[in-house]
């Protein structure tokens, strides 16, 4: 059984920075592509960022490029999302996800999901 647990969310102000963490229970963490998705109130869950097995490559949705950075520590079974210069448009529940196999940014292709951590950004 794979468990993903996110942490680090909370109430922020515009311009703030925060780092989300996701710790995974699987034994072969380095064999999973890890992703972050977010779901704003009343909207569908959307891709934010993903990182390759080793952490050597990553991808971001356009709206967070230059502000968010994804990273992972395979020795700690943890993936991070550093979020800088937050705006109210970043308000959402942020979900960590894991998948095996080929690279993907598609929500439906991820196998395991955390329960999410809420980030609220006020202006």
Protein backbone atom coordinates (compact mmCIF):
# COMPACT_ATOMS: atom_id res chain seq x y z
CA UNK A 1 0.00 0.00 0.00
CA UNK A 2 1.38 3.35 -1.05
CA UNK A 3 0.69 6.43 1.04
CA UNK A 4 1.53 10.00 0.14
CA UNK A 5 1.30 12.67 2.81
CA UNK A 6 1.51 16.36 1.98
CA UNK A 7 2.41 19.11 4.41
CA UNK A 8 3.31 22.77 4.43
CA UNK A 9 0.09 24.45 3.39
CA UNK A 10 -1.56 27.30 5.23
CA UNK A 11 -2.68 30.88 5.01
CA UNK A 12 -0.29 33.12 3.09
CA UNK A 13 -0.18 36.66 1.82
CA UNK A 14 0.51 37.71 -1.73
CA UNK A 15 4.24 37.73 -2.34
CA UNK A 16 4.98 35.15 0.32
CA UNK A 17 6.96 31.96 -0.19
CA UNK A 18 6.19 28.49 1.11
CA UNK A 19 7.56 25.00 0.62
CA UNK A 20 5.26 22.05 0.35
CA UNK A 21 6.53 18.58 1.16
CA UNK A 22 5.23 15.16 0.26
CA UNK A 23 6.56 12.07 1.96
CA UNK A 24 5.89 8.70 0.38
CA UNK A 25 5.71 5.26 1.89
CA UNK A 26 6.77 3.16 -1.09
CA UNK A 27 10.05 1.30 -0.92
CA UNK A 28 11.25 2.15 -4.44
CA UNK A 29 10.58 5.87 -4.36
CA UNK A 30 13.23 6.53 -6.98
CA UNK A 31 11.27 4.46 -9.46
CA UNK A 32 8.34 6.87 -9.47
CA UNK A 33 7.74 10.07 -11.34
CA UNK A 34 6.38 12.54 -8.80
CA UNK A 35 3.93 15.30 -9.55
CA UNK A 36 2.10 18.16 -7.91
CA UNK A 37 -1.42 19.06 -8.91
CA UNK A 38 -3.81 21.66 -7.54
CA UNK A 39 -7.51 22.12 -7.36
CA UNK A 40 -9.04 25.50 -6.81
CA UNK A 41 -12.60 25.79 -5.45
CA UNK A 42 -15.11 24.89 -8.13
CA UNK A 43 -12.44 23.89 -10.64
CA UNK A 44 -10.89 20.69 -11.90
CA UNK A 45 -7.63 19.36 -10.55
CA UNK A 46 -4.80 20.63 -12.72
CA UNK A 47 -1.16 19.83 -13.29
CA UNK A 48 1.38 22.08 -11.57
CA UNK A 49 4.73 20.35 -11.82
CA UNK A 50 6.42 16.99 -12.19
CA UNK A 51 9.92 15.66 -11.65
CA UNK A 52 11.76 12.71 -13.13
CA UNK A 53 13.00 9.66 -11.25
CA UNK A 54 16.40 11.12 -10.46
CA UNK A 55 15.31 14.72 -10.29
CA UNK A 56 17.35 15.69 -13.31
CA UNK A 57 14.39 17.03 -15.25
CA UNK A 58 11.15 18.75 -14.41
CA UNK A 59 8.18 20.39 -16.02
CA UNK A 60 5.84 23.17 -14.94
CA UNK A 61 2.55 24.61 -15.99
CA UNK A 62 3.03 28.02 -17.56
CA UNK A 63 1.43 29.99 -14.75
CA UNK A 64 4.04 28.88 -12.20
CA UNK A 65 7.19 28.88 -14.31
CA UNK A 66 9.84 31.04 -12.71
CA UNK A 67 8.03 31.05 -9.35
CA UNK A 68 7.74 27.39 -8.35
CA UNK A 69 10.52 24.82 -8.13
CA UNK A 70 10.04 21.09 -7.71
CA UNK A 71 12.74 18.91 -6.19
CA UNK A 72 13.08 15.51 -4.61
CA UNK A 73 15.25 13.70 -2.11
CA UNK A 74 15.18 10.00 -2.88
CA UNK A 75 17.00 9.21 0.36
CA UNK A 76 14.08 10.69 2.28
CA UNK A 77 11.26 9.52 0.02
CA UNK A 78 10.21 13.15 -0.24
CA UNK A 79 9.29 15.55 -3.01
CA UNK A 80 9.11 19.30 -2.49
CA UNK A 81 7.42 22.22 -4.15
CA UNK A 82 9.00 25.57 -3.40
CA UNK A 83 6.46 28.26 -4.16
CA UNK A 84 7.65 31.87 -4.39
CA UNK A 85 5.88 35.13 -5.05
CA UNK A 86 2.49 33.63 -4.30
CA UNK A 87 -0.63 35.26 -5.67
CA UNK A 88 -4.32 34.79 -4.78
CA UNK A 89 -4.64 32.79 -8.02
CA UNK A 90 -2.45 30.11 -6.40
CA UNK A 91 -5.11 29.42 -3.79
CA UNK A 92 -5.96 25.75 -4.05
CA UNK A 93 -5.62 22.35 -2.49
CA UNK A 94 -2.27 20.96 -3.56
CA UNK A 95 -1.95 17.25 -4.18
CA UNK A 96 1.10 15.08 -4.49
CA UNK A 97 0.94 12.17 -6.92
CA UNK A 98 3.15 9.31 -8.05
CA UNK A 99 3.33 7.19 -11.16
CA UNK A 100 5.52 4.49 -12.58
CA UNK A 101 6.50 4.16 -16.20
CA UNK A 102 6.59 6.86 -18.83
CA UNK A 103 6.70 10.58 -18.22
CA UNK A 104 3.34 12.26 -18.02
CA UNK A 105 1.69 15.43 -16.81
CA UNK A 106 -1.80 14.01 -17.20
CA UNK A 107 -3.80 13.70 -14.02
CA UNK A 108 -5.41 10.43 -15.06
CA UNK A 109 -2.08 8.68 -15.56
CA UNK A 110 -0.93 9.02 -11.97
CA UNK A 111 -1.39 5.96 -9.82
CA UNK A 112 -1.24 7.23 -6.27
CA UNK A 113 -2.46 10.41 -4.62
CA UNK A 114 -2.15 12.16 -1.32
CA UNK A 115 -5.08 13.79 0.45
CA UNK A 116 -3.83 17.27 -0.26
CA UNK A 117 -2.74 20.35 1.63
CA UNK A 118 -4.58 23.64 1.37
CA UNK A 119 -2.78 26.81 0.37
CA UNK A 120 -4.75 30.03 0.74
CA UNK A 121 -3.24 33.25 -0.49
CA UNK A 122 -4.81 36.53 0.49
CA UNK A 123 -4.24 39.84 -1.19
